[in-house]
């Protein structure tokens, strides 16, 4: 009978040593992965040191800046959000996140992030300046002016603060003052993207669309940001230079393919050219890209309303309202669409909501008179 020999003690000790070394290497690898790729370990890392968290947050912040440099707003938004998740006390990440949220038409979210940023770093001029911008985009113009002036007090050489102040002056109707302030910003930083954008915006508010186009073009030469191409396209469209508008919106879609807004703007441009089939194609592509972008539903609803497809108009406009869109135009179009399909009982609440926003709304008043006659 064959009996296996017992393993020698020396060989066993060598195996144990090799196993311990392999385990040490594996643990080292896990620590490295957790430090540099924390998203792979959800729920892990609460016990890590503050230094590790800060490094990770700064890395995400740098990733966001790099994405923005390349013109991809959607990727930058995601990176800034991840920076905040990695370090909830990173005020600059909150502020830059808020800025892009505002530029992406998510003004209420932007205000929440900007308020958090300024609470964390009330003496940081970048944070305060972005807070001013976000206040302005939420229609709080006096507060925006106040915060922009405070950012300038914190750093009189910080040009974006002057740019955001000019924007707030323009939105509050103080166009002469806006022009003066944006000229100061251009003197301080003639190649700053925020300065060039708001120089374009001030001239756009003044109705000088050619001058606005020149500043927006200079801005995209500095940094090919999608929202700059959108501004450029919007001004071309006002000037009825539709081919150039289409080219600008297509460029915006190219640099930020995850955003629905360039596609929506393309659709609206085709709509204004009365190329309705092309418009619908772009709107549908925009919805496929981002089903929660409410403005596209407004535009689709408007297109169907104008073409007297009232049932389709009702469907899209109500979807826009369900996503938080609120405007006099949407409310009276909904009311009239219901009225023109013999449903005045459903029309009345929408017409009344339009009048709540604007008591002098002529379409809403006409709709009420129509329903009262019926």
Protein backbone atom coordinates (compact mmCIF):
# COMPACT_ATOMS: atom_id res chain seq x y z
CA UNK A 1 0.00 0.00 0.00
CA UNK A 2 1.33 3.40 -1.00
CA UNK A 3 1.46 5.97 1.79
CA UNK A 4 2.20 9.59 0.76
CA UNK A 5 5.14 11.14 2.54
CA UNK A 6 4.43 14.04 4.89
CA UNK A 7 5.25 17.51 3.60
CA UNK A 8 8.47 18.83 4.99
CA UNK A 9 8.11 21.69 7.52
CA UNK A 10 10.58 23.89 5.57
CA UNK A 11 8.52 23.71 2.34
CA UNK A 12 5.32 24.58 4.27
CA UNK A 13 6.98 27.63 5.79
CA UNK A 14 8.03 28.85 2.32
CA UNK A 15 4.43 28.51 1.04
CA UNK A 16 3.08 30.46 4.01
CA UNK A 17 5.58 33.25 3.36
CA UNK A 18 4.60 33.43 -0.34
CA UNK A 19 0.91 33.55 0.58
CA UNK A 20 1.49 36.39 3.04
CA UNK A 21 3.47 38.34 0.42
CA UNK A 22 0.70 37.85 -2.18
CA UNK A 23 -1.89 39.04 0.33
CA UNK A 24 0.16 42.15 1.08
CA UNK A 25 0.42 42.97 -2.64
CA UNK A 26 -3.33 42.50 -3.04
CA UNK A 27 -4.11 44.80 -0.12
CA UNK A 28 -1.77 47.44 -1.52
CA UNK A 29 -3.56 47.25 -4.85
CA UNK A 30 -6.95 47.65 -3.18
CA UNK A 31 -5.77 50.73 -1.27
CA UNK A 32 -4.52 52.25 -4.55
CA UNK A 33 -7.81 51.54 -6.33
CA UNK A 34 -9.87 52.94 -3.46
CA UNK A 35 -7.81 56.15 -3.38
CA UNK A 36 -7.90 56.88 -7.12
CA UNK A 37 -11.20 55.25 -8.12
CA UNK A 38 -13.52 55.73 -5.10
CA UNK A 39 -16.64 55.24 -7.26
CA UNK A 40 -15.69 51.55 -7.51
CA UNK A 41 -16.16 51.21 -3.74
CA UNK A 42 -19.55 52.77 -2.87
CA UNK A 43 -20.00 53.12 0.87
CA UNK A 44 -16.31 52.50 1.52
CA UNK A 45 -13.90 55.16 2.58
CA UNK A 46 -15.79 56.95 5.32
CA UNK A 47 -12.90 56.22 7.58
CA UNK A 48 -10.27 57.57 5.18
CA UNK A 49 -8.34 60.66 6.09
CA UNK A 50 -9.31 64.16 4.99
CA UNK A 51 -6.23 64.34 2.76
CA UNK A 52 -7.37 61.39 0.62
CA UNK A 53 -10.83 62.92 0.18
CA UNK A 54 -9.40 66.34 -0.78
CA UNK A 55 -7.02 64.83 -3.32
CA UNK A 56 -9.86 62.89 -4.93
CA UNK A 57 -12.06 65.99 -5.02
CA UNK A 58 -9.30 68.07 -6.57
CA UNK A 59 -8.78 65.42 -9.21
CA UNK A 60 -12.46 65.52 -10.16
CA UNK A 61 -12.31 69.31 -10.20
CA UNK A 62 -9.36 69.17 -12.60
CA UNK A 63 -11.26 66.68 -14.77
CA UNK A 64 -14.19 69.09 -14.92
CA UNK A 65 -11.93 71.98 -15.90
CA UNK A 66 -10.35 69.82 -18.63
CA UNK A 67 -13.78 68.81 -19.98
CA UNK A 68 -14.83 72.44 -20.02
CA UNK A 69 -11.62 73.39 -21.82
CA UNK A 70 -12.62 70.90 -24.54
CA UNK A 71 -16.13 72.40 -24.68
CA UNK A 72 -18.02 69.46 -23.17
CA UNK A 73 -20.36 70.99 -20.61
CA UNK A 74 -22.14 67.73 -19.78
CA UNK A 75 -18.90 65.95 -18.84
CA UNK A 76 -17.76 68.98 -16.85
CA UNK A 77 -21.06 69.06 -14.95
CA UNK A 78 -20.64 65.40 -14.01
CA UNK A 79 -17.05 65.92 -12.88
CA UNK A 80 -17.92 68.90 -10.67
CA UNK A 81 -20.75 66.92 -9.11
CA UNK A 82 -18.31 64.09 -8.37
CA UNK A 83 -15.87 66.59 -6.87
CA UNK A 84 -18.57 67.71 -4.44
CA UNK A 85 -19.47 64.11 -3.63
CA UNK A 86 -15.82 63.41 -2.81
CA UNK A 87 -15.50 66.52 -0.65
CA UNK A 88 -18.75 68.22 0.43
CA UNK A 89 -16.73 71.21 1.66
CA UNK A 90 -15.20 72.03 -1.73
CA UNK A 91 -16.71 75.48 -2.31
CA UNK A 92 -15.08 76.03 -5.70
CA UNK A 93 -16.50 72.73 -7.01
CA UNK A 94 -19.96 73.77 -5.81
CA UNK A 95 -19.59 77.16 -7.49
CA UNK A 96 -18.40 75.82 -10.85
CA UNK A 97 -21.12 73.19 -10.75
CA UNK A 98 -23.69 75.93 -10.09
CA UNK A 99 -22.39 78.03 -12.97
CA UNK A 100 -22.81 75.21 -15.47
CA UNK A 101 -26.23 74.30 -14.10
CA UNK A 102 -27.36 77.86 -14.79
CA UNK A 103 -25.91 77.78 -18.30
CA UNK A 104 -27.77 74.50 -18.85
CA UNK A 105 -31.14 76.16 -17.98
CA UNK A 106 -31.30 74.51 -14.55
CA UNK A 107 -31.43 77.78 -12.66
CA UNK A 108 -33.14 76.61 -9.46
CA UNK A 109 -30.64 73.79 -8.95
CA UNK A 110 -27.85 76.23 -9.70
CA UNK A 111 -29.04 78.57 -6.96
CA UNK A 112 -28.99 75.80 -4.36
CA UNK A 113 -25.39 74.89 -5.24
CA UNK A 114 -24.26 78.51 -5.38
CA UNK A 115 -25.78 79.24 -1.97
CA UNK A 116 -23.91 76.26 -0.55
CA UNK A 117 -20.67 77.47 -2.15
CA UNK A 118 -20.92 80.98 -0.74
CA UNK A 119 -21.81 79.62 2.70
CA UNK A 120 -18.59 77.58 2.61
CA UNK A 121 -16.35 80.35 1.23
CA UNK A 122 -17.95 83.80 1.64
CA UNK A 123 -14.63 85.58 1.00
CA UNK A 124 -13.68 83.75 -2.21
CA UNK A 125 -14.14 86.19 -5.15
CA UNK A 126 -14.78 83.42 -7.70
CA UNK A 127 -17.44 81.85 -5.50
CA UNK A 128 -19.15 85.17 -4.79
CA UNK A 129 -19.00 86.22 -8.45
CA UNK A 130 -20.61 82.96 -9.58
CA UNK A 131 -23.26 83.40 -6.89
CA UNK A 132 -24.01 86.81 -8.44
CA UNK A 133 -24.32 85.24 -11.88
CA UNK A 134 -26.69 82.54 -10.64
CA UNK A 135 -28.84 85.09 -8.81
CA UNK A 136 -29.10 87.04 -12.05
CA UNK A 137 -30.13 83.94 -14.00
CA UNK A 138 -32.86 83.38 -11.40
CA UNK A 139 -34.22 86.87 -12.01
CA UNK A 140 -32.93 88.31 -8.71
CA UNK A 141 -31.26 91.31 -10.34
CA UNK A 142 -30.71 93.67 -7.35
CA UNK A 143 -29.23 90.82 -5.31
CA UNK A 144 -27.03 89.84 -8.27
CA UNK A 145 -25.68 93.39 -8.55
CA UNK A 146 -24.99 93.48 -4.82
CA UNK A 147 -23.05 90.20 -4.85
CA UNK A 148 -21.08 91.11 -7.96
CA UNK A 149 -20.03 94.39 -6.34
CA UNK A 150 -18.97 92.45 -3.25
CA UNK A 151 -16.85 90.10 -5.40
CA UNK A 152 -15.15 93.16 -6.90
CA UNK A 153 -14.46 94.47 -3.40
CA UNK A 154 -12.84 91.15 -2.52
CA UNK A 155 -10.62 91.29 -5.62
CA UNK A 156 -10.72 94.44 -7.77
CA UNK A 157 -8.68 92.66 -10.46
CA UNK A 158 -11.05 89.68 -10.86
CA UNK A 159 -12.48 90.38 -14.31
CA UNK A 160 -15.37 87.82 -14.33
CA UNK A 161 -16.96 89.70 -11.41
CA UNK A 162 -17.20 92.79 -13.64
CA UNK A 163 -18.59 90.60 -16.45
CA UNK A 164 -21.34 89.18 -14.24
CA UNK A 165 -22.11 92.66 -12.91
CA UNK A 166 -22.52 93.91 -16.50
CA UNK A 167 -24.86 90.99 -17.22
CA UNK A 168 -27.00 91.85 -14.17
CA UNK A 169 -27.12 95.52 -15.18
CA UNK A 170 -28.21 94.53 -18.70
CA UNK A 171 -30.95 92.24 -17.37
CA UNK A 172 -32.24 94.98 -15.10
CA UNK A 173 -32.43 97.45 -18.00
CA UNK A 174 -29.39 99.55 -17.07
CA UNK A 175 -27.77 99.09 -20.46
CA UNK A 176 -25.54 102.17 -20.34
CA UNK A 177 -24.03 101.05 -17.04
CA UNK A 178 -23.73 97.50 -18.34
CA UNK A 179 -21.66 98.74 -21.29
CA UNK A 180 -19.36 100.75 -19.02
CA UNK A 181 -18.74 97.82 -16.71
CA UNK A 182 -18.13 95.28 -19.47
CA UNK A 183 -15.54 97.65 -20.96
CA UNK A 184 -13.76 97.60 -17.59
CA UNK A 185 -13.83 93.81 -17.68
CA UNK A 186 -12.37 93.77 -21.20
CA UNK A 187 -9.57 96.07 -20.06
CA UNK A 188 -8.70 93.71 -17.20
CA UNK A 189 -8.94 90.43 -19.14
CA UNK A 190 -9.55 90.78 -22.88
CA UNK A 191 -9.20 87.01 -23.46
CA UNK A 192 -11.33 85.76 -20.55
CA UNK A 193 -14.22 83.61 -21.75
CA UNK A 194 -16.74 84.97 -19.23
CA UNK A 195 -15.77 88.52 -20.12
CA UNK A 196 -16.12 87.92 -23.86
CA UNK A 197 -19.43 86.09 -23.41
CA UNK A 198 -20.93 88.91 -21.40
CA UNK A 199 -19.57 91.54 -23.77
CA UNK A 200 -21.51 89.69 -26.46
CA UNK A 201 -24.53 89.52 -24.18
CA UNK A 202 -24.52 93.26 -23.44
CA UNK A 203 -24.37 94.11 -27.15
CA UNK A 204 -27.11 91.56 -27.81
CA UNK A 205 -29.27 93.30 -25.19
CA UNK A 206 -28.52 96.60 -26.94
CA UNK A 207 -29.76 95.11 -30.21
CA UNK A 208 -26.32 95.32 -31.84
CA UNK A 209 -26.31 91.71 -33.01
CA UNK A 210 -23.33 92.05 -35.35
CA UNK A 211 -21.15 93.33 -32.49
CA UNK A 212 -22.51 90.55 -30.26
CA UNK A 213 -21.56 87.96 -32.89
CA UNK A 214 -18.00 89.32 -33.01
CA UNK A 215 -17.56 88.90 -29.25
CA UNK A 216 -19.10 85.43 -29.22
CA UNK A 217 -16.78 84.43 -32.07
CA UNK A 218 -13.79 85.67 -30.09
CA UNK A 219 -15.01 83.70 -27.11
CA UNK A 220 -15.26 80.39 -29.00
CA UNK A 221 -11.76 80.96 -30.37
CA UNK A 222 -10.53 81.04 -26.78
CA UNK A 223 -12.59 78.03 -25.69
CA UNK A 224 -15.03 76.02 -27.86
CA UNK A 225 -17.83 75.86 -25.31
CA UNK A 226 -21.22 74.65 -26.41
CA UNK A 227 -23.13 77.49 -24.76
CA UNK A 228 -21.00 80.02 -26.65
CA UNK A 229 -21.93 78.37 -29.95
CA UNK A 230 -25.55 78.50 -28.80
CA UNK A 231 -25.28 82.24 -28.18
CA UNK A 232 -23.60 82.69 -31.54
CA UNK A 233 -26.34 80.70 -33.30
CA UNK A 234 -29.08 82.59 -31.51
CA UNK A 235 -27.75 85.93 -32.79
CA UNK A 236 -27.35 84.62 -36.32
CA UNK A 237 -30.96 83.46 -36.15
CA UNK A 238 -32.21 86.89 -35.05
CA UNK A 239 -30.33 88.34 -38.02
CA UNK A 240 -32.06 85.69 -40.22
CA UNK A 241 -28.67 84.26 -41.19
CA UNK A 242 -30.11 80.79 -40.85
CA UNK A 243 -27.33 78.79 -42.50
CA UNK A 244 -24.77 80.27 -40.10
CA UNK A 245 -27.14 79.66 -37.19
CA UNK A 246 -27.49 75.99 -38.17
CA UNK A 247 -23.70 75.65 -38.43
CA UNK A 248 -23.23 77.15 -34.95
CA UNK A 249 -25.85 74.87 -33.37
CA UNK A 250 -24.35 71.83 -35.10
CA UNK A 251 -20.97 72.78 -33.65
CA UNK A 252 -22.55 73.03 -30.20
CA UNK A 253 -23.98 69.53 -30.64
CA UNK A 254 -20.57 68.25 -31.75
CA UNK A 255 -18.69 69.50 -28.68
CA UNK A 256 -21.45 68.49 -26.24
CA UNK A 257 -23.21 65.46 -27.74
CA UNK A 258 -24.97 64.54 -24.49
CA UNK A 259 -26.91 67.80 -24.36
CA UNK A 260 -30.41 68.18 -25.82
CA UNK A 261 -30.20 71.94 -26.09
CA UNK A 262 -28.22 72.25 -29.38
CA UNK A 263 -30.63 69.83 -31.03
CA UNK A 264 -33.57 71.80 -29.69
CA UNK A 265 -32.08 75.04 -31.04
CA UNK A 266 -31.55 73.37 -34.41
CA UNK A 267 -35.18 72.30 -34.40
CA UNK A 268 -36.35 75.80 -33.55
CA UNK A 269 -34.23 77.25 -36.36
CA UNK A 270 -35.82 74.87 -38.86
CA UNK A 271 -39.22 75.79 -37.41
CA UNK A 272 -38.53 79.48 -38.04
CA UNK A 273 -37.63 78.60 -41.62
CA UNK A 274 -40.96 76.72 -41.83
CA UNK A 275 -39.11 73.46 -42.50
CA UNK A 276 -41.40 71.61 -40.14
CA UNK A 277 -40.37 68.03 -40.90
CA UNK A 278 -36.71 68.81 -40.24
CA UNK A 279 -37.74 70.64 -37.08
CA UNK A 280 -39.68 67.64 -35.76
CA UNK A 281 -36.72 65.36 -36.46
CA UNK A 282 -34.39 67.55 -34.38
CA UNK A 283 -36.93 67.92 -31.57
CA UNK A 284 -37.44 64.16 -31.38
CA UNK A 285 -33.70 63.61 -31.31
CA UNK A 286 -33.43 66.15 -28.50
CA UNK A 287 -36.05 64.28 -26.46
CA UNK A 288 -34.23 61.00 -27.07
CA UNK A 289 -31.03 62.63 -25.79
CA UNK A 290 -32.63 64.12 -22.69
CA UNK A 291 -36.30 63.28 -22.02
CA UNK A 292 -36.42 65.83 -19.19
CA UNK A 293 -35.42 68.89 -21.21
CA UNK A 294 -38.71 70.74 -20.98
CA UNK A 295 -38.07 73.43 -23.58
CA UNK A 296 -38.16 70.88 -26.41
CA UNK A 297 -41.69 69.85 -25.41
CA UNK A 298 -42.65 73.54 -25.49
CA UNK A 299 -41.24 73.92 -28.99
CA UNK A 300 -42.90 70.74 -30.26
CA UNK A 301 -46.17 71.82 -28.70
CA UNK A 302 -45.86 75.24 -30.30
CA UNK A 303 -45.17 73.71 -33.72
CA UNK A 304 -48.27 71.51 -33.48
CA UNK A 305 -50.37 74.40 -32.16
CA UNK A 306 -49.38 76.63 -35.07
CA UNK A 307 -50.23 73.82 -37.49
CA UNK A 308 -53.58 73.33 -35.68
CA UNK A 309 -52.74 69.84 -34.47
CA UNK A 310 -54.32 70.71 -31.16
CA UNK A 311 -54.34 67.25 -29.59
CA UNK A 312 -50.61 66.85 -30.18
CA UNK A 313 -50.03 70.40 -28.94
CA UNK A 314 -51.86 69.60 -25.68
CA UNK A 315 -49.81 66.44 -25.17
CA UNK A 316 -46.43 68.15 -25.55
CA UNK A 317 -47.30 71.35 -23.70
CA UNK A 318 -48.68 69.48 -20.70
CA UNK A 319 -45.51 67.38 -20.66
CA UNK A 320 -43.48 70.59 -20.50
CA UNK A 321 -45.56 71.85 -17.57
CA UNK A 322 -45.16 68.51 -15.76
CA UNK A 323 -41.39 68.99 -16.04
CA UNK A 324 -41.63 72.39 -14.36
CA UNK A 325 -41.94 74.76 -17.31
CA UNK A 326 -44.08 77.77 -16.54
CA UNK A 327 -44.87 80.64 -18.90
CA UNK A 328 -47.77 82.77 -20.08
CA UNK A 329 -47.39 81.48 -23.65
CA UNK A 330 -47.56 77.82 -22.69
CA UNK A 331 -50.60 78.37 -20.47
CA UNK A 332 -52.64 80.32 -23.02
CA UNK A 333 -51.71 77.92 -25.85
CA UNK A 334 -52.92 75.03 -23.72
CA UNK A 335 -56.12 76.90 -22.92
CA UNK A 336 -56.79 77.79 -26.54
CA UNK A 337 -55.96 74.26 -27.74
CA UNK A 338 -58.56 72.88 -25.35
CA UNK A 339 -61.03 75.59 -26.34
CA UNK A 340 -60.60 74.89 -30.05
CA UNK A 341 -61.34 71.20 -29.43
CA UNK A 342 -64.62 72.07 -27.65
CA UNK A 343 -63.33 71.47 -24.11
CA UNK A 344 -63.75 74.85 -22.50
CA UNK A 345 -64.11 73.31 -19.05
CA UNK A 346 -60.48 72.15 -19.38
CA UNK A 347 -59.41 75.35 -21.13
CA UNK A 348 -60.48 77.77 -18.39
CA UNK A 349 -57.87 76.82 -15.71
CA UNK A 350 -55.01 77.25 -18.19
CA UNK A 351 -56.28 80.61 -19.43
CA UNK A 352 -56.63 81.79 -15.84
CA UNK A 353 -53.06 80.70 -15.07
CA UNK A 354 -51.84 82.74 -18.03
CA UNK A 355 -53.70 85.77 -16.68
CA UNK A 356 -52.16 85.26 -13.25
CA UNK A 357 -48.75 85.68 -14.86
CA UNK A 358 -49.88 88.55 -17.07
CA UNK A 359 -53.28 90.14 -16.41
CA UNK A 360 -53.03 91.90 -19.80
CA UNK A 361 -52.49 88.70 -21.78
CA UNK A 362 -54.60 89.29 -24.90
CA UNK A 363 -54.63 85.65 -26.12
CA UNK A 364 -55.80 84.46 -22.69
CA UNK A 365 -58.51 87.15 -22.56
CA UNK A 366 -59.63 86.20 -26.07
CA UNK A 367 -59.79 82.55 -25.01
CA UNK A 368 -61.97 83.38 -22.01
CA UNK A 369 -64.32 85.42 -24.21
CA UNK A 370 -64.49 82.57 -26.71
CA UNK A 371 -65.39 80.06 -24.01
CA UNK A 372 -67.96 82.38 -22.46
CA UNK A 373 -69.66 82.73 -25.86
CA UNK A 374 -69.62 78.96 -26.30
